[in-house]
Amino acid sequence: MMLQVLERLAQCVAVKEAQAKQSYEQFRAALGNVALPPWEELPGIAKRTWLAATHAADQRADIAEGITNLLRAERDDARQESASLRESLEAARRELHLLREHAPAEGSA
């Protein structure tokens, strides 16, 4: 069991490192003329720092996606509530109209 957990951890770390490496290489390419060493030549501390920054960015993206989904759900709920209120208002208007039609005219009694 412990071996499986360690293997899974190693897979996750490898995936995260591959993502961090790809992100770093894209960053290097975007800078153009700035001389930055390739990923393989970075010292360990620089790689760990980049990994941490990539992980933090992933977490922020996940949080932003979660907030977006919550806002969409709230928007959808608000739309449903608004439609329900419109239906209730229309029913009340029809009822009021019927009451006015059947009410005795003023002065006639």
PDB file of N, CA and C in Angstrom:
ATOM      1  N   MET A   1       0.831  -1.198   0.000  1.00  0.00           N
ATOM      2  CA  MET A   1       0.000   0.000   0.000  1.00  0.00           C
ATOM      3  C   MET A   1       0.872   1.257   0.000  1.00  0.00           C
ATOM      4  N   MET A   2       1.858   1.296   0.887  1.00  0.00           N
ATOM      5  CA  MET A   2       2.730   2.467   0.978  1.00  0.00           C
ATOM      6  C   MET A   2       3.488   2.671  -0.329  1.00  0.00           C
ATOM      7  N   LEU A   3       3.881   1.578  -0.970  1.00  0.00           N
ATOM      8  CA  LEU A   3       4.600   1.673  -2.238  1.00  0.00           C
ATOM      9  C   LEU A   3       3.712   2.307  -3.302  1.00  0.00           C
ATOM     10  N   GLN A   4       2.435   1.937  -3.317  1.00  0.00           N
ATOM     11  CA  GLN A   4       1.504   2.522  -4.286  1.00  0.00           C
ATOM     12  C   GLN A   4       1.338   4.023  -4.045  1.00  0.00           C
ATOM     13  N   VAL A   5       1.262   4.400  -2.799  1.00  0.00           N
ATOM     14  CA  VAL A   5       1.138   5.819  -2.455  1.00  0.00           C
ATOM     15  C   VAL A   5       2.371   6.575  -2.928  1.00  0.00           C
ATOM     16  N   LEU A   6       3.544   6.019  -2.687  1.00  0.00           N
ATOM     17  CA  LEU A   6       4.785   6.672  -3.114  1.00  0.00           C
ATOM     18  C   LEU A   6       4.889   6.742  -4.636  1.00  0.00           C
ATOM     19  N   GLU A   7       4.449   5.690  -5.322  1.00  0.00           N
ATOM     20  CA  GLU A   7       4.460   5.709  -6.789  1.00  0.00           C
ATOM     21  C   GLU A   7       3.521   6.792  -7.315  1.00  0.00           C
ATOM     22  N   ARG A   8       2.349   6.904  -6.701  1.00  0.00           N
ATOM     23  CA  ARG A   8       1.381   7.932  -7.115  1.00  0.00           C
ATOM     24  C   ARG A   8       1.944   9.328  -6.863  1.00  0.00           C
ATOM     25  N   LEU A   9       2.596   9.505  -5.728  1.00  0.00           N
ATOM     26  CA  LEU A   9       3.225  10.783  -5.413  1.00  0.00           C
ATOM     27  C   LEU A   9       4.299  11.119  -6.442  1.00  0.00           C
ATOM     28  N   ALA A  10       5.089  10.136  -6.808  1.00  0.00           N
ATOM     29  CA  ALA A  10       6.143  10.349  -7.805  1.00  0.00           C
ATOM     30  C   ALA A  10       5.536  10.742  -9.151  1.00  0.00           C
ATOM     31  N   GLN A  11       4.421  10.131  -9.519  1.00  0.00           N
ATOM     32  CA  GLN A  11       3.745  10.482 -10.769  1.00  0.00           C
ATOM     33  C   GLN A  11       3.250  11.925 -10.731  1.00  0.00           C
ATOM     34  N   CYS A  12       2.657  12.299  -9.614  1.00  0.00           N
ATOM     35  CA  CYS A  12       2.144  13.671  -9.473  1.00  0.00           C
ATOM     36  C   CYS A  12       3.281  14.684  -9.555  1.00  0.00           C
ATOM     37  N   VAL A  13       4.373  14.387  -8.874  1.00  0.00           N
ATOM     38  CA  VAL A  13       5.521  15.292  -8.902  1.00  0.00           C
ATOM     39  C   VAL A  13       6.073  15.396 -10.317  1.00  0.00           C
ATOM     40  N   ALA A  14       6.148  14.277 -11.021  1.00  0.00           N
ATOM     41  CA  ALA A  14       6.654  14.295 -12.395  1.00  0.00           C
ATOM     42  C   ALA A  14       5.750  15.138 -13.297  1.00  0.00           C
ATOM     43  N   VAL A  15       4.440  14.999 -13.115  1.00  0.00           N
ATOM     44  CA  VAL A  15       3.494  15.784 -13.914  1.00  0.00           C
ATOM     45  C   VAL A  15       3.654  17.260 -13.589  1.00  0.00           C
ATOM     46  N   LYS A  16       3.705  17.582 -12.290  1.00  0.00           N
ATOM     47  CA  LYS A  16       3.849  18.991 -11.899  1.00  0.00           C
ATOM     48  C   LYS A  16       5.162  19.560 -12.426  1.00  0.00           C
ATOM     49  N   GLU A  17       6.240  18.770 -12.361  1.00  0.00           N
ATOM     50  CA  GLU A  17       7.526  19.262 -12.856  1.00  0.00           C
ATOM     51  C   GLU A  17       7.473  19.458 -14.364  1.00  0.00           C
ATOM     52  N   ALA A  18       6.813  18.553 -15.065  1.00  0.00           N
ATOM     53  CA  ALA A  18       6.685  18.704 -16.518  1.00  0.00           C
ATOM     54  C   ALA A  18       5.897  19.971 -16.851  1.00  0.00           C
ATOM     55  N   GLN A  19       4.832  20.242 -16.078  1.00  0.00           N
ATOM     56  CA  GLN A  19       4.056  21.463 -16.301  1.00  0.00           C
ATOM     57  C   GLN A  19       4.895  22.696 -15.995  1.00  0.00           C
ATOM     58  N   ALA A  20       5.665  22.639 -14.910  1.00  0.00           N
ATOM     59  CA  ALA A  20       6.510  23.775 -14.543  1.00  0.00           C
ATOM     60  C   ALA A  20       7.578  24.005 -15.607  1.00  0.00           C
ATOM     61  N   LYS A  21       8.160  22.919 -16.108  1.00  0.00           N
ATOM     62  CA  LYS A  21       9.185  23.040 -17.151  1.00  0.00           C
ATOM     63  C   LYS A  21       8.586  23.676 -18.402  1.00  0.00           C
ATOM     64  N   GLN A  22       7.421  23.219 -18.806  1.00  0.00           N
ATOM     65  CA  GLN A  22       6.764  23.772 -19.988  1.00  0.00           C
ATOM     66  C   GLN A  22       6.468  25.261 -19.775  1.00  0.00           C
ATOM     67  N   SER A  23       5.969  25.604 -18.605  1.00  0.00           N
ATOM     68  CA  SER A  23       5.667  26.999 -18.286  1.00  0.00           C
ATOM     69  C   SER A  23       6.934  27.850 -18.333  1.00  0.00           C
ATOM     70  N   TYR A  24       8.027  27.343 -17.760  1.00  0.00           N
ATOM     71  CA  TYR A  24       9.288  28.073 -17.748  1.00  0.00           C
ATOM     72  C   TYR A  24       9.813  28.268 -19.164  1.00  0.00           C
ATOM     73  N   GLU A  25       9.744  27.234 -19.963  1.00  0.00           N
ATOM     74  CA  GLU A  25      10.250  27.342 -21.346  1.00  0.00           C
ATOM     75  C   GLU A  25       9.398  28.318 -22.157  1.00  0.00           C
ATOM     76  N   GLN A  26       8.102  28.357 -21.903  1.00  0.00           N
ATOM     77  CA  GLN A  26       7.241  29.348 -22.574  1.00  0.00           C
ATOM     78  C   GLN A  26       7.614  30.756 -22.130  1.00  0.00           C
ATOM     79  N   PHE A  27       7.915  30.907 -20.852  1.00  0.00           N
ATOM     80  CA  PHE A  27       8.342  32.191 -20.306  1.00  0.00           C
ATOM     81  C   PHE A  27       9.645  32.630 -20.963  1.00  0.00           C
ATOM     82  N   ARG A  28      10.604  31.710 -21.051  1.00  0.00           N
ATOM     83  CA  ARG A  28      11.897  32.013 -21.710  1.00  0.00           C
ATOM     84  C   ARG A  28      11.676  32.471 -23.143  1.00  0.00           C
ATOM     85  N   ALA A  29      10.823  31.749 -23.859  1.00  0.00           N
ATOM     86  CA  ALA A  29      10.556  32.081 -25.262  1.00  0.00           C
ATOM     87  C   ALA A  29       9.886  33.449 -25.386  1.00  0.00           C
ATOM     88  N   ALA A  30       9.015  33.765 -24.454  1.00  0.00           N
ATOM     89  CA  ALA A  30       8.305  35.046 -24.498  1.00  0.00           C
ATOM     90  C   ALA A  30       9.245  36.225 -24.264  1.00  0.00           C
ATOM     91  N   LEU A  31      10.322  35.994 -23.506  1.00  0.00           N
ATOM     92  CA  LEU A  31      11.258  37.078 -23.216  1.00  0.00           C
ATOM     93  C   LEU A  31      12.184  37.379 -24.386  1.00  0.00           C
ATOM     94  N   GLY A  32      12.296  36.447 -25.285  1.00  0.00           N
ATOM     95  CA  GLY A  32      13.095  36.694 -26.484  1.00  0.00           C
ATOM     96  C   GLY A  32      14.580  36.798 -26.225  1.00  0.00           C
ATOM     97  N   ASN A  33      15.109  38.011 -26.197  1.00  0.00           N
ATOM     98  CA  ASN A  33      16.557  38.240 -26.128  1.00  0.00           C
ATOM     99  C   ASN A  33      17.158  38.108 -24.732  1.00  0.00           C
ATOM    100  N   VAL A  34      16.344  37.959 -23.706  1.00  0.00           N
ATOM    101  CA  VAL A  34      16.865  37.836 -22.351  1.00  0.00           C
ATOM    102  C   VAL A  34      17.478  36.447 -22.196  1.00  0.00           C
ATOM    103  N   ALA A  35      18.709  36.428 -21.727  1.00  0.00           N
ATOM    104  CA  ALA A  35      19.426  35.158 -21.613  1.00  0.00           C
ATOM    105  C   ALA A  35      19.076  34.452 -20.312  1.00  0.00           C
ATOM    106  N   LEU A  36      18.181  33.508 -20.387  1.00  0.00           N
ATOM    107  CA  LEU A  36      17.834  32.664 -19.247  1.00  0.00           C
ATOM    108  C   LEU A  36      18.263  31.238 -19.575  1.00  0.00           C
ATOM    109  N   PRO A  37      18.803  30.545 -18.590  1.00  0.00           N
ATOM    110  CA  PRO A  37      19.236  29.168 -18.859  1.00  0.00           C
ATOM    111  C   PRO A  37      18.038  28.259 -19.110  1.00  0.00           C
ATOM    112  N   PRO A  38      18.218  27.190 -19.870  1.00  0.00           N
ATOM    113  CA  PRO A  38      17.126  26.235 -20.042  1.00  0.00           C
ATOM    114  C   PRO A  38      16.816  25.553 -18.716  1.00  0.00           C
ATOM    115  N   TRP A  39      15.677  24.939 -18.632  1.00  0.00           N
ATOM    116  CA  TRP A  39      15.214  24.295 -17.412  1.00  0.00           C
ATOM    117  C   TRP A  39      16.261  23.350 -16.830  1.00  0.00           C
ATOM    118  N   GLU A  40      16.867  22.566 -17.699  1.00  0.00           N
ATOM    119  CA  GLU A  40      17.822  21.566 -17.238  1.00  0.00           C
ATOM    120  C   GLU A  40      19.022  22.180 -16.529  1.00  0.00           C
ATOM    121  N   GLU A  41      19.367  23.423 -16.845  1.00  0.00           N
ATOM    122  CA  GLU A  41      20.532  24.079 -16.248  1.00  0.00           C
ATOM    123  C   GLU A  41      20.187  24.918 -15.024  1.00  0.00           C
ATOM    124  N   LEU A  42      18.931  25.012 -14.692  1.00  0.00           N
ATOM    125  CA  LEU A  42      18.541  25.788 -13.509  1.00  0.00           C
ATOM    126  C   LEU A  42      18.995  25.072 -12.246  1.00  0.00           C
ATOM    127  N   PRO A  43      19.449  25.842 -11.248  1.00  0.00           N
ATOM    128  CA  PRO A  43      19.763  25.201  -9.964  1.00  0.00           C
ATOM    129  C   PRO A  43      18.484  24.691  -9.303  1.00  0.00           C
ATOM    130  N   GLY A  44      18.636  23.745  -8.407  1.00  0.00           N
ATOM    131  CA  GLY A  44      17.484  23.124  -7.744  1.00  0.00           C
ATOM    132  C   GLY A  44      16.550  24.111  -7.085  1.00  0.00           C
ATOM    133  N   ILE A  45      17.095  25.127  -6.442  1.00  0.00           N
ATOM    134  CA  ILE A  45      16.250  26.107  -5.742  1.00  0.00           C
ATOM    135  C   ILE A  45      15.397  26.884  -6.744  1.00  0.00           C
ATOM    136  N   ALA A  46      15.968  27.197  -7.899  1.00  0.00           N
ATOM    137  CA  ALA A  46      15.206  27.917  -8.921  1.00  0.00           C
ATOM    138  C   ALA A  46      14.078  27.042  -9.458  1.00  0.00           C
ATOM    139  N   LYS A  47      14.361  25.753  -9.644  1.00  0.00           N
ATOM    140  CA  LYS A  47      13.316  24.848 -10.119  1.00  0.00           C
ATOM    141  C   LYS A  47      12.204  24.724  -9.089  1.00  0.00           C
ATOM    142  N   ARG A  48      12.576  24.591  -7.816  1.00  0.00           N
ATOM    143  CA  ARG A  48      11.561  24.472  -6.765  1.00  0.00           C
ATOM    144  C   ARG A  48      10.731  25.746  -6.660  1.00  0.00           C
ATOM    145  N   THR A  49      11.397  26.893  -6.828  1.00  0.00           N
ATOM    146  CA  THR A  49      10.673  28.167  -6.784  1.00  0.00           C
ATOM    147  C   THR A  49       9.689  28.252  -7.942  1.00  0.00           C
ATOM    148  N   TRP A  50      10.144  27.861  -9.125  1.00  0.00           N
ATOM    149  CA  TRP A  50       9.258  27.899 -10.298  1.00  0.00           C
ATOM    150  C   TRP A  50       8.106  26.917 -10.121  1.00  0.00           C
ATOM    151  N   LEU A  51       8.413  25.734  -9.578  1.00  0.00           N
ATOM    152  CA  LEU A  51       7.361  24.748  -9.300  1.00  0.00           C
ATOM    153  C   LEU A  51       6.316  25.331  -8.347  1.00  0.00           C
ATOM    154  N   ALA A  52       6.784  25.977  -7.299  1.00  0.00           N
ATOM    155  CA  ALA A  52       5.868  26.573  -6.318  1.00  0.00           C
ATOM    156  C   ALA A  52       5.014  27.655  -6.968  1.00  0.00           C
ATOM    157  N   ALA A  53       5.653  28.482  -7.798  1.00  0.00           N
ATOM    158  CA  ALA A  53       4.904  29.551  -8.469  1.00  0.00           C
ATOM    159  C   ALA A  53       3.872  28.964  -9.426  1.00  0.00           C
ATOM    160  N   THR A  54       4.251  27.912 -10.141  1.00  0.00           N
ATOM    161  CA  THR A  54       3.322  27.261 -11.071  1.00  0.00           C
ATOM    162  C   THR A  54       2.158  26.646 -10.298  1.00  0.00           C
ATOM    163  N   HIS A  55       2.475  26.007  -9.181  1.00  0.00           N
ATOM    164  CA  HIS A  55       1.434  25.399  -8.353  1.00  0.00           C
ATOM    165  C   HIS A  55       0.493  26.469  -7.809  1.00  0.00           C
ATOM    166  N   ALA A  56       1.056  27.574  -7.352  1.00  0.00           N
ATOM    167  CA  ALA A  56       0.227  28.667  -6.828  1.00  0.00           C
ATOM    168  C   ALA A  56      -0.674  29.221  -7.926  1.00  0.00           C
ATOM    169  N   ALA A  57      -0.131  29.351  -9.136  1.00  0.00           N
ATOM    170  CA  ALA A  57      -0.940  29.845 -10.253  1.00  0.00           C
ATOM    171  C   ALA A  57      -2.063  28.859 -10.568  1.00  0.00           C
ATOM    172  N   ASP A  58      -1.754  27.562 -10.522  1.00  0.00           N
ATOM    173  CA  ASP A  58      -2.787  26.550 -10.749  1.00  0.00           C
ATOM    174  C   ASP A  58      -3.883  26.654  -9.702  1.00  0.00           C
ATOM    175  N   GLN A  59      -3.487  26.848  -8.444  1.00  0.00           N
ATOM    176  CA  GLN A  59      -4.472  26.969  -7.376  1.00  0.00           C
ATOM    177  C   GLN A  59      -5.348  28.200  -7.581  1.00  0.00           C
ATOM    178  N   ARG A  60      -4.727  29.310  -7.966  1.00  0.00           N
ATOM    179  CA  ARG A  60      -5.514  30.531  -8.211  1.00  0.00           C
ATOM    180  C   ARG A  60      -6.486  30.304  -9.371  1.00  0.00           C
ATOM    181  N   ALA A  61      -6.033  29.609 -10.396  1.00  0.00           N
ATOM    182  CA  ALA A  61      -6.921  29.322 -11.526  1.00  0.00           C
ATOM    183  C   ALA A  61      -8.081  28.435 -11.084  1.00  0.00           C
ATOM    184  N   ASP A  62      -7.794  27.439 -10.252  1.00  0.00           N
ATOM    185  CA  ASP A  62      -8.860  26.576  -9.741  1.00  0.00           C
ATOM    186  C   ASP A  62      -9.857  27.367  -8.902  1.00  0.00           C
ATOM    187  N   ILE A  63      -9.346  28.266  -8.070  1.00  0.00           N
ATOM    188  CA  ILE A  63     -10.214  29.096  -7.230  1.00  0.00           C
ATOM    189  C   ILE A  63     -11.069  30.010  -8.110  1.00  0.00           C
ATOM    190  N   ALA A  64     -10.446  30.613  -9.108  1.00  0.00           N
ATOM    191  CA  ALA A  64     -11.191  31.493 -10.012  1.00  0.00           C
ATOM    192  C   ALA A  64     -12.282  30.716 -10.752  1.00  0.00           C
ATOM    193  N   GLU A  65     -11.960  29.495 -11.166  1.00  0.00           N
ATOM    194  CA  GLU A  65     -12.958  28.670 -11.843  1.00  0.00           C
ATOM    195  C   GLU A  65     -14.108  28.324 -10.896  1.00  0.00           C
ATOM    196  N   GLY A  66     -13.771  28.027  -9.646  1.00  0.00           N
ATOM    197  CA  GLY A  66     -14.805  27.735  -8.659  1.00  0.00           C
ATOM    198  C   GLY A  66     -15.711  28.928  -8.419  1.00  0.00           C
ATOM    199  N   ILE A  67     -15.109  30.095  -8.292  1.00  0.00           N
ATOM    200  CA  ILE A  67     -15.898  31.320  -8.088  1.00  0.00           C
ATOM    201  C   ILE A  67     -16.782  31.584  -9.300  1.00  0.00           C
ATOM    202  N   THR A  68     -16.229  31.386 -10.486  1.00  0.00           N
ATOM    203  CA  THR A  68     -17.007  31.577 -11.713  1.00  0.00           C
ATOM    204  C   THR A  68     -18.215  30.647 -11.733  1.00  0.00           C
ATOM    205  N   ASN A  69     -18.000  29.395 -11.355  1.00  0.00           N
ATOM    206  CA  ASN A  69     -19.112  28.443 -11.329  1.00  0.00           C
ATOM    207  C   ASN A  69     -20.170  28.845 -10.302  1.00  0.00           C
ATOM    208  N   LEU A  70     -19.725  29.331  -9.144  1.00  0.00           N
ATOM    209  CA  LEU A  70     -20.683  29.803  -8.139  1.00  0.00           C
ATOM    210  C   LEU A  70     -21.482  30.997  -8.656  1.00  0.00           C
ATOM    211  N   LEU A  71     -20.799  31.929  -9.316  1.00  0.00           N
ATOM    212  CA  LEU A  71     -21.490  33.100  -9.858  1.00  0.00           C
ATOM    213  C   LEU A  71     -22.484  32.709 -10.945  1.00  0.00           C
ATOM    214  N   ARG A  72     -22.114  31.730 -11.762  1.00  0.00           N
ATOM    215  CA  ARG A  72     -23.048  31.246 -12.788  1.00  0.00           C
ATOM    216  C   ARG A  72     -24.284  30.631 -12.138  1.00  0.00           C
ATOM    217  N   ALA A  73     -24.070  29.853 -11.092  1.00  0.00           N
ATOM    218  CA  ALA A  73     -25.199  29.237 -10.391  1.00  0.00           C
ATOM    219  C   ALA A  73     -26.100  30.309  -9.786  1.00  0.00           C
ATOM    220  N   GLU A  74     -25.492  31.330  -9.182  1.00  0.00           N
ATOM    221  CA  GLU A  74     -26.285  32.429  -8.619  1.00  0.00           C
ATOM    222  C   GLU A  74     -27.048  33.159  -9.709  1.00  0.00           C
ATOM    223  N   ARG A  75     -26.396  33.381 -10.854  1.00  0.00           N
ATOM    224  CA  ARG A  75     -27.066  34.049 -11.975  1.00  0.00           C
ATOM    225  C   ARG A  75     -28.255  33.225 -12.446  1.00  0.00           C
ATOM    226  N   ASP A  76     -28.062  31.906 -12.569  1.00  0.00           N
ATOM    227  CA  ASP A  76     -29.146  31.043 -13.020  1.00  0.00           C
ATOM    228  C   ASP A  76     -30.293  31.044 -12.016  1.00  0.00           C
ATOM    229  N   ASP A  77     -29.955  31.009 -10.721  1.00  0.00           N
ATOM    230  CA  ASP A  77     -30.994  31.074  -9.684  1.00  0.00           C
ATOM    231  C   ASP A  77     -31.749  32.397  -9.762  1.00  0.00           C
ATOM    232  N   ALA A  78     -31.015  33.482  -9.973  1.00  0.00           N
ATOM    233  CA  ALA A  78     -31.647  34.803 -10.066  1.00  0.00           C
ATOM    234  C   ALA A  78     -32.574  34.868 -11.281  1.00  0.00           C
ATOM    235  N   ARG A  79     -32.157  34.263 -12.383  1.00  0.00           N
ATOM    236  CA  ARG A  79     -33.019  34.237 -13.582  1.00  0.00           C
ATOM    237  C   ARG A  79     -34.309  33.480 -13.305  1.00  0.00           C
ATOM    238  N   GLN A  80     -34.186  32.332 -12.627  1.00  0.00           N
ATOM    239  CA  GLN A  80     -35.374  31.549 -12.305  1.00  0.00           C
ATOM    240  C   GLN A  80     -36.294  32.317 -11.363  1.00  0.00           C
ATOM    241  N   GLU A  81     -35.713  32.964 -10.375  1.00  0.00           N
ATOM    242  CA  GLU A  81     -36.518  33.737  -9.429  1.00  0.00           C
ATOM    243  C   GLU A  81     -37.189  34.901 -10.142  1.00  0.00           C
ATOM    244  N   SER A  82     -36.462  35.550 -11.034  1.00  0.00           N
ATOM    245  CA  SER A  82     -37.024  36.673 -11.785  1.00  0.00           C
ATOM    246  C   SER A  82     -38.189  36.205 -12.656  1.00  0.00           C
ATOM    247  N   ALA A  83     -38.026  35.064 -13.315  1.00  0.00           N
ATOM    248  CA  ALA A  83     -39.104  34.534 -14.153  1.00  0.00           C
ATOM    249  C   ALA A  83     -40.325  34.198 -13.299  1.00  0.00           C
ATOM    250  N   SER A  84     -40.087  33.618 -12.139  1.00  0.00           N
ATOM    251  CA  SER A  84     -41.185  33.283 -11.233  1.00  0.00           C
ATOM    252  C   SER A  84     -41.902  34.543 -10.767  1.00  0.00           C
ATOM    253  N   LEU A  85     -41.136  35.580 -10.432  1.00  0.00           N
ATOM    254  CA  LEU A  85     -41.744  36.837  -9.997  1.00  0.00           C
ATOM    255  C   LEU A  85     -42.543  37.489 -11.130  1.00  0.00           C
ATOM    256  N   ARG A  86     -42.021  37.411 -12.356  1.00  0.00           N
ATOM    257  CA  ARG A  86     -42.757  37.955 -13.502  1.00  0.00           C
ATOM    258  C   ARG A  86     -44.084  37.231 -13.688  1.00  0.00           C
ATOM    259  N   GLU A  87     -44.057  35.897 -13.554  1.00  0.00           N
ATOM    260  CA  GLU A  87     -45.292  35.116 -13.674  1.00  0.00           C
ATOM    261  C   GLU A  87     -46.280  35.501 -12.579  1.00  0.00           C
ATOM    262  N   SER A  88     -45.801  35.658 -11.363  1.00  0.00           N
ATOM    263  CA  SER A  88     -46.675  36.048 -10.248  1.00  0.00           C
ATOM    264  C   SER A  88     -47.259  37.430 -10.486  1.00  0.00           C
ATOM    265  N   LEU A  89     -46.439  38.346 -10.966  1.00  0.00           N
ATOM    266  CA  LEU A  89     -46.913  39.701 -11.245  1.00  0.00           C
ATOM    267  C   LEU A  89     -47.973  39.682 -12.338  1.00  0.00           C
ATOM    268  N   GLU A  90     -47.741  38.902 -13.383  1.00  0.00           N
ATOM    269  CA  GLU A  90     -48.713  38.819 -14.463  1.00  0.00           C
ATOM    270  C   GLU A  90     -50.028  38.210 -13.972  1.00  0.00           C
ATOM    271  N   ALA A  91     -49.945  37.200 -13.122  1.00  0.00           N
ATOM    272  CA  ALA A  91     -51.164  36.594 -12.558  1.00  0.00           C
ATOM    273  C   ALA A  91     -51.908  37.607 -11.695  1.00  0.00           C
ATOM    274  N   ALA A  92     -51.177  38.389 -10.909  1.00  0.00           N
ATOM    275  CA  ALA A  92     -51.808  39.414 -10.066  1.00  0.00           C
ATOM    276  C   ALA A  92     -52.462  40.479 -10.931  1.00  0.00           C
ATOM    277  N   ARG A  93     -51.819  40.861 -12.035  1.00  0.00           N
ATOM    278  CA  ARG A  93     -52.425  41.855 -12.941  1.00  0.00           C
ATOM    279  C   ARG A  93     -53.717  41.321 -13.549  1.00  0.00           C
ATOM    280  N   ARG A  94     -53.704  40.041 -13.963  1.00  0.00           N
ATOM    281  CA  ARG A  94     -54.918  39.453 -14.545  1.00  0.00           C
ATOM    282  C   ARG A  94     -56.039  39.423 -13.511  1.00  0.00           C
ATOM    283  N   GLU A  95     -55.684  39.041 -12.296  1.00  0.00           N
ATOM    284  CA  GLU A  95     -56.686  38.986 -11.223  1.00  0.00           C
ATOM    285  C   GLU A  95     -57.250  40.375 -10.931  1.00  0.00           C
ATOM    286  N   LEU A  96     -56.393  41.363 -10.876  1.00  0.00           N
ATOM    287  CA  LEU A  96     -56.839  42.734 -10.635  1.00  0.00           C
ATOM    288  C   LEU A  96     -57.748  43.206 -11.768  1.00  0.00           C
ATOM    289  N   HIS A  97     -57.369  42.860 -12.986  1.00  0.00           N
ATOM    290  CA  HIS A  97     -58.184  43.243 -14.137  1.00  0.00           C
ATOM    291  C   HIS A  97     -59.581  42.608 -14.042  1.00  0.00           C
ATOM    292  N   LEU A  98     -59.627  41.336 -13.666  1.00  0.00           N
ATOM    293  CA  LEU A  98     -60.921  40.659 -13.518  1.00  0.00           C
ATOM    294  C   LEU A  98     -61.745  41.298 -12.405  1.00  0.00           C
ATOM    295  N   LEU A  99     -61.100  41.641 -11.293  1.00  0.00           N
ATOM    296  CA  LEU A  99     -61.811  42.283 -10.187  1.00  0.00           C
ATOM    297  C   LEU A  99     -62.381  43.630 -10.611  1.00  0.00           C
ATOM    298  N   ARG A 100     -61.612  44.378 -11.382  1.00  0.00           N
ATOM    299  CA  ARG A 100     -62.087  45.692 -11.839  1.00  0.00           C
ATOM    300  C   ARG A 100     -63.258  45.537 -12.806  1.00  0.00           C
ATOM    301  N   GLU A 101     -63.227  44.498 -13.647  1.00  0.00           N
ATOM    302  CA  GLU A 101     -64.320  44.284 -14.604  1.00  0.00           C
ATOM    303  C   GLU A 101     -65.627  43.935 -13.888  1.00  0.00           C
ATOM    304  N   HIS A 102     -65.514  43.171 -12.801  1.00  0.00           N
ATOM    305  CA  HIS A 102     -66.703  42.705 -12.109  1.00  0.00           C
ATOM    306  C   HIS A 102     -67.110  43.593 -10.939  1.00  0.00           C
ATOM    307  N   ALA A 103     -66.348  44.606 -10.657  1.00  0.00           N
ATOM    308  CA  ALA A 103     -66.678  45.517  -9.547  1.00  0.00           C
ATOM    309  C   ALA A 103     -67.809  46.438 -10.020  1.00  0.00           C
ATOM    310  N   PRO A 104     -68.720  46.751  -9.133  1.00  0.00           N
ATOM    311  CA  PRO A 104     -69.809  47.690  -9.519  1.00  0.00           C
ATOM    312  C   PRO A 104     -69.210  49.075  -9.798  1.00  0.00           C
ATOM    313  N   ALA A 105     -69.753  49.730 -10.753  1.00  0.00           N
ATOM    314  CA  ALA A 105     -69.269  51.059 -11.114  1.00  0.00           C
ATOM    315  C   ALA A 105     -69.538  52.005  -9.985  1.00  0.00           C
ATOM    316  N   GLU A 106     -68.696  53.015  -9.828  1.00  0.00           N
ATOM    317  CA  GLU A 106     -68.878  54.000  -8.769  1.00  0.00           C
ATOM    318  C   GLU A 106     -70.153  54.783  -8.991  1.00  0.00           C
ATOM    319  N   GLY A 107     -70.852  55.027  -7.932  1.00  0.00           N
ATOM    320  CA  GLY A 107     -72.080  55.816  -8.042  1.00  0.00           C
ATOM    321  C   GLY A 107     -73.296  54.991  -8.368  1.00  0.00           C
ATOM    322  N   SER A 108     -73.107  53.739  -8.739  1.00  0.00           N
ATOM    323  CA  SER A 108     -74.282  52.883  -9.034  1.00  0.00           C
ATOM    324  C   SER A 108     -74.487  51.931  -7.867  1.00  0.00           C
ATOM    325  N   ALA A 109     -75.434  52.202  -7.094  1.00  0.00           N
ATOM    326  CA  ALA A 109     -75.728  51.290  -5.985  1.00  0.00           C
ATOM    327  C   ALA A 109     -77.163  51.366  -5.602  1.00  0.00           C
TER     328      ALA A 109
END
